[in-house]
Protein backbone atom coordinates (compact mmCIF):
# COMPACT_ATOMS: atom_id res chain seq x y z
CA MET A 1 0.00 0.00 0.00
CA PRO A 2 1.44 3.42 -0.94
CA ASP A 3 2.68 5.66 1.87
CA LEU A 4 1.24 8.91 0.51
CA VAL A 5 2.56 12.27 1.70
CA THR A 6 0.90 15.53 0.67
CA LEU A 7 2.64 18.67 -0.54
CA ALA A 8 1.17 20.49 2.47
CA SER A 9 2.86 17.99 4.79
CA LEU A 10 6.21 18.40 3.03
CA LYS A 11 6.00 22.19 3.35
CA LYS A 12 5.14 21.95 7.04
CA GLN A 13 7.98 19.54 7.83
CA ILE A 14 10.52 21.61 5.90
CA LYS A 15 9.52 24.85 7.62
CA GLU A 16 9.66 23.20 11.04
CA ARG A 17 13.05 21.64 10.27
CA THR A 18 14.54 25.00 9.25
CA ASP A 19 12.72 27.26 11.76
CA GLN A 20 10.83 28.94 8.95
CA THR A 21 7.32 28.48 10.39
CA SER A 22 6.76 32.19 10.98
CA SER A 23 9.43 33.50 8.62
CA GLN A 24 8.98 35.01 5.15
CA PHE A 25 12.61 34.46 4.19
CA ILE A 26 11.56 31.76 1.68
CA GLY A 27 8.40 32.58 -0.27
CA ASP A 28 5.81 29.95 -1.18
CA SER A 29 6.79 30.00 -4.86
CA GLU A 30 10.48 29.54 -4.11
CA LEU A 31 9.76 26.78 -1.61
CA LEU A 32 7.63 24.98 -4.19
CA THR A 33 10.46 25.22 -6.72
CA TYR A 34 12.89 23.74 -4.19
CA ILE A 35 10.50 20.90 -3.35
CA ASN A 36 9.85 19.92 -6.96
CA GLY A 37 13.56 20.06 -7.74
CA SER A 38 14.37 17.76 -4.82
CA TYR A 39 11.46 15.48 -5.72
CA ARG A 40 12.83 15.05 -9.24
CA GLU A 41 16.26 14.31 -7.80
CA LEU A 42 14.77 11.62 -5.56
CA TYR A 43 12.84 10.26 -8.55
CA ASP A 44 16.08 9.90 -10.52
CA VAL A 45 17.71 8.04 -7.63
CA LEU A 46 14.79 5.60 -7.54
CA ILE A 47 14.74 5.11 -11.32
CA GLN A 48 18.49 4.47 -11.39
CA CYS A 49 18.02 1.77 -8.75
CA THR A 50 14.81 0.28 -10.15
CA PRO A 51 13.92 1.29 -13.73
CA ASP A 52 10.45 -0.25 -13.35
CA TRP A 53 9.68 1.92 -10.31
CA ASN A 54 7.01 3.99 -12.06
CA LEU A 55 6.52 2.10 -15.29
CA ALA A 56 3.83 3.26 -17.72
CA ILE A 57 2.28 1.37 -20.64
CA ALA A 58 0.73 2.91 -23.74
CA ASP A 59 -0.59 1.31 -26.94
CA PHE A 60 -0.49 3.00 -30.35
CA THR A 61 -1.50 2.20 -33.90
CA LEU A 62 1.09 3.38 -36.42
CA THR A 63 0.28 5.42 -39.49
CA SER A 64 3.88 5.74 -40.71
CA ASP A 65 7.41 4.70 -39.74
CA THR A 66 7.59 7.33 -36.98
CA LEU A 67 5.72 7.76 -33.72
CA ALA A 68 5.78 10.85 -31.51
CA LEU A 69 6.85 10.13 -27.94
CA PRO A 70 4.21 10.61 -25.23
CA ASP A 71 4.25 14.08 -23.67
CA ASN A 72 5.29 12.62 -20.31
CA PHE A 73 8.02 10.38 -21.75
CA TYR A 74 11.31 10.15 -19.84
CA MET A 75 13.02 6.81 -20.50
CA LEU A 76 12.14 3.84 -22.69
CA ARG A 77 12.05 0.32 -21.23
CA GLY A 78 10.87 -1.56 -24.31
CA ILE A 79 8.52 -1.80 -27.28
CA ASP A 80 6.33 -4.74 -28.32
CA ASN A 81 4.89 -5.44 -31.76
CA LEU A 82 1.26 -6.32 -31.01
CA SER A 83 0.53 -7.12 -34.66
CA ALA A 84 3.11 -9.89 -34.94
CA GLY A 85 0.58 -12.69 -34.56
CA VAL A 86 1.93 -13.76 -31.15
CA GLN A 87 -0.19 -13.45 -28.02
CA GLY A 88 1.12 -10.59 -25.88
CA GLY A 89 3.18 -9.24 -28.77
CA VAL A 90 6.81 -9.62 -29.79
CA PRO A 91 9.52 -7.51 -28.10
CA MET A 92 11.39 -5.35 -30.61
CA LYS A 93 15.12 -4.76 -30.75
CA LYS A 94 16.78 -1.39 -31.22
CA PHE A 95 18.64 -1.16 -34.49
CA ASN A 96 22.23 0.08 -34.49
CA PHE A 97 22.64 3.68 -35.56
CA ALA A 98 25.42 2.60 -37.94
CA ASP A 99 22.87 0.42 -39.79
CA ARG A 100 20.36 3.22 -40.38
CA ALA A 101 21.00 3.45 -44.13
CA ALA A 102 20.27 -0.26 -44.56
CA GLY A 103 17.02 -0.09 -42.64
CA GLY A 104 18.47 -1.41 -39.40
CA VAL A 105 18.00 -5.13 -40.12
CA PHE A 106 19.87 -7.39 -42.51
CA ALA A 107 18.84 -10.99 -41.84
CA TYR A 108 15.10 -11.54 -42.24
CA TYR A 109 12.62 -9.69 -44.44
CA GLY A 110 8.86 -9.60 -44.29
CA ASP A 111 8.14 -11.43 -41.02
CA TRP A 112 7.73 -10.55 -37.34
CA ARG A 113 11.48 -10.61 -36.69
CA THR A 114 12.22 -7.60 -38.90
CA MET A 115 10.43 -4.93 -36.83
CA GLN A 116 12.97 -2.78 -35.02
CA TYR A 117 13.09 0.76 -33.63
CA ARG A 118 15.30 3.60 -32.50
CA VAL A 119 14.47 6.70 -30.44
CA ILE A 120 15.54 9.82 -32.33
CA ASN A 121 14.86 13.25 -30.85
CA ASN A 122 11.20 13.21 -29.74
CA THR A 123 10.11 10.37 -32.01
CA ILE A 124 10.53 6.64 -32.44
CA LEU A 125 11.72 5.55 -35.88
CA PHE A 126 10.66 2.05 -36.95
CA SER A 127 12.36 -0.21 -39.48
CA GLN A 128 11.26 -3.48 -41.08
CA GLY A 129 14.59 -4.31 -42.64
CA ALA A 130 16.61 -3.68 -45.74
CA GLY A 131 14.60 -4.32 -48.89
CA ASN A 132 11.26 -4.38 -47.06
CA THR A 133 8.37 -2.31 -48.39
CA GLY A 134 8.11 -0.59 -45.01
CA ASN A 135 4.31 -0.38 -44.81
CA PHE A 136 3.70 0.42 -41.15
CA SER A 137 0.11 1.65 -41.36
CA GLY A 138 -2.18 -0.23 -38.97
CA ILE A 139 0.58 -1.93 -36.97
CA SER A 140 -0.09 -1.83 -33.22
CA VAL A 141 2.77 -1.30 -30.79
CA ARG A 142 3.03 -1.15 -27.03
CA LEU A 143 5.44 1.22 -25.28
CA TRP A 144 6.84 0.41 -21.86
CA TYR A 145 8.38 3.61 -20.52
CA VAL A 146 9.23 5.64 -17.45
CA PRO A 147 7.24 8.90 -17.36
CA VAL A 148 8.58 12.17 -16.04
CA PRO A 149 7.34 12.91 -12.52
CA ALA A 150 4.42 15.32 -12.35
CA ASP A 151 5.16 18.54 -10.48
CA LEU A 152 3.53 19.02 -7.11
CA VAL A 153 1.26 22.05 -7.36
CA LEU A 154 -1.69 21.79 -4.98
CA ASP A 155 -1.32 21.21 -1.26
CA THR A 156 -3.40 18.06 -1.71
CA ASP A 157 -1.00 16.62 -4.34
CA THR A 158 0.77 13.52 -3.06
CA ILE A 159 3.90 11.43 -3.57
CA ASP A 160 4.54 7.86 -2.52
CA ALA A 161 6.95 8.24 0.41
CA VAL A 162 7.73 4.48 0.54
CA ASN A 163 8.92 3.89 4.08
CA ASN A 164 9.56 7.62 4.71
CA TRP A 165 11.86 8.14 1.72
CA SER A 166 10.26 11.59 1.43
CA GLU A 167 12.81 12.54 4.11
CA TYR A 168 15.25 12.89 1.20
CA ILE A 169 13.19 15.81 -0.13
CA ILE A 170 12.90 17.41 3.29
CA VAL A 171 16.62 17.41 4.09
CA ASP A 172 17.59 18.41 0.55
CA VAL A 173 15.28 21.44 0.62
CA ALA A 174 16.45 22.25 4.14
CA MET A 175 20.03 22.22 2.88
CA LYS A 176 19.10 24.68 0.11
CA ILE A 177 17.36 27.02 2.56
CA VAL A 178 20.19 26.99 5.09
CA THR A 179 22.72 27.53 2.32
CA LYS A 180 20.75 30.57 1.13
CA GLU A 181 20.85 31.88 4.71
CA GLU A 182 24.65 31.53 4.43
CA GLN A 183 24.63 29.10 7.34
CA ASP A 184 26.44 25.78 7.72
CA ALA A 185 24.42 23.13 5.83
CA SER A 186 26.86 20.26 6.44
CA VAL A 187 24.49 18.46 8.81
CA TYR A 188 21.79 18.34 6.16
CA LYS A 189 24.33 17.28 3.53
CA PHE A 190 25.39 14.38 5.77
CA GLN A 191 21.77 13.40 6.37
CA LYS A 192 21.00 13.52 2.67
CA ASP A 193 23.96 11.29 1.82
CA GLN A 194 22.88 8.79 4.48
CA ILE A 195 19.32 8.69 3.18
CA LYS A 196 20.49 8.34 -0.41
CA GLU A 197 22.73 5.42 0.52
CA ARG A 198 19.83 3.76 2.33
CA ILE A 199 17.47 4.25 -0.61
CA GLN A 200 20.02 2.92 -3.09
CA SER A 201 20.70 -0.18 -1.01
CA LEU A 202 17.04 -1.01 -0.46
CA ALA A 203 15.30 0.19 -3.62
CA THR A 204 17.51 -2.05 -5.74
CA GLU A 205 16.25 -5.07 -3.82
CA ARG A 206 12.56 -4.12 -3.80
CA ASP A 207 11.94 -7.16 -6.03
CA PHE A 208 14.04 -10.04 -4.71
CA THR A 209 13.07 -12.36 -7.55
CA SER A 210 15.60 -12.93 -10.31
CA GLU A 211 14.75 -12.48 -13.99
CA LYS A 212 14.82 -15.54 -16.22
CA VAL A 213 16.65 -15.57 -19.52
CA SER A 214 14.46 -13.98 -22.20
CA LEU A 215 12.75 -16.52 -24.43
CA THR A 216 13.23 -16.08 -28.17
CA ARG A 217 11.40 -17.79 -31.02
CA ARG A 218 13.24 -20.39 -33.08
CA ASP A 219 12.09 -21.85 -36.37
């Protein structure tokens, strides 16, 4: 079950931690900027440890060999060809950039094995192999990707603190505030490093099961 913490709670804890409860030294807008910056930093730590931490899935039907990335796209985990005639779809491979002129694939033409992709700028470019007609219209694909974290805006907005990992945000923002006051922030820096080490050691092991070798089709 998620351990949800509201933006209002984060603000309150940060102000109490830095003796800013009745102070106007840090305005609400600046505090919100600090919080969202620290939240994104925490998010990156979690994603580096566990790429599937906040995995999103989206299905699309192609009309050409390119597909615009979702507006909230951050990092790609994989793409499946849902039109390959295999239940659940067929995972695609990324073609090598050096092979772009040849269509990305050299071995098989005209079957489910030829569909490959590559992320270029804000689009995904698909290839069906050298010599293929490249008719992508109507092909369904599934994107597995990590979305960017949504900014906290309203006091009722929440994040999943997961065993009080929101403490990372609190001490990081506190460090920024104390630094702006031109005070010694070393205590908060030490606390942040300790929390980060704890998160990195535990988040990596959130799923203790090991992955099996990927199954591939053989003819």
